[in-house]
C-alpha cells in the first residue's frame, strides 16, 4: 500500500513539472520573434527554413543558403514529375509599385531601358498584363553606359481606364539606386507626412512588458486597456533595405505619378514541375462576383 501511494504521489509530481524545452521557452514568443529580427529581417517562412537549412545573413535578410539534409534527389524528382515550391529564392526581392497614366509611365520608363537589350516596358505581351517581363535598367538617357542592373516587371491588367499599375522587382542591393532613379525621372517628391511603420514602437513596448514580467518572476499574461487578454501579432519591422523612419511612398505634383515601396508586402512563390498548373487550379478558387 505504501509503495502504491508513493508511486501515485511521484506520478502527480512529474505531471506538474515541465520539460526542459518548455521551461526554456520564451514567455512571449511573438515578442521574441519581433526582437530577433531587428537587425536582419525574417521572411514569412523563416522558422520552417531555419529548421532545415543553413541560414546566412545577406542584404539585411536571413536567407536559407543550403539544406541540412540530402534532399537533392527529392527536389529533382518533384520538379521533373510532380511540383516543387520555391520560396526564399525570389521572396526577398524588393517590389516597387508605380501608379499613374499609362502614356506618362511608358514615356519616362523608356529613358531607363533600351530595345537593343531585349524586352522593354512597352512590349505588347507584357503590357497587357498576361506575362512577366525581364530587362536591364540604366540611368536615364545613359544607355549603353551606367547600367543599374536587371529587373523583372508585370503590369496589372487593364480595367478600362487610362490609369495603370506596374510592379517592378529588383535585388535588395540595387533597390536604392533604382528607386532614386525612378524618383528622378518622374520628379516625385517625398510626402509631407513621414510614413513611420508602427511595429518599431510596439515591439519596444512588448519588450518592456516582457522585462517587467520576468523581473517579477511570475508568468502573468499581458492585458490590454479593457482588462482582457491581449493577443500579440507578429510584425515585420520595415524591411532589410529601408530604415523604418523613412517614407515609403512618393508622388509627383505635375503628373500624379505615385511610387511606393512594397517590399515585404507582396510575396511571390515559384512552382516548378509538370503538375504546377493542376496544383494552382486545385488551390485557387474563383470568387463569386456580386453586382450592386
Foldseek 3Di string as FASTA:
>chain_A
DVVVVVVVVVVVVVVPDDDPVVVPDALDPQLVLLVVLPQAFEAPCRVVLVVFADWDGPLRHTAGDGGPDPCPVVQVCCQAANKDKDFRVQFQWWKKKKKAFPVVVQVLQCQFFDPVFPDGCPDPCQVQQPDKDKGWTAAGNDPPPHTLGIKIKHWDHDPPDRMTMMMITDHSVRVVVVVVRVCVSLVWDDDPDFQADDPVVVSVVVVVVSVVCVVVVDSDADADPVRHGDDDDRDGQDHSNDDRRGHFKTADPPRRMIMGTCRSPDGDMDMHHPCPVVVVVVVDDDDDDDDD
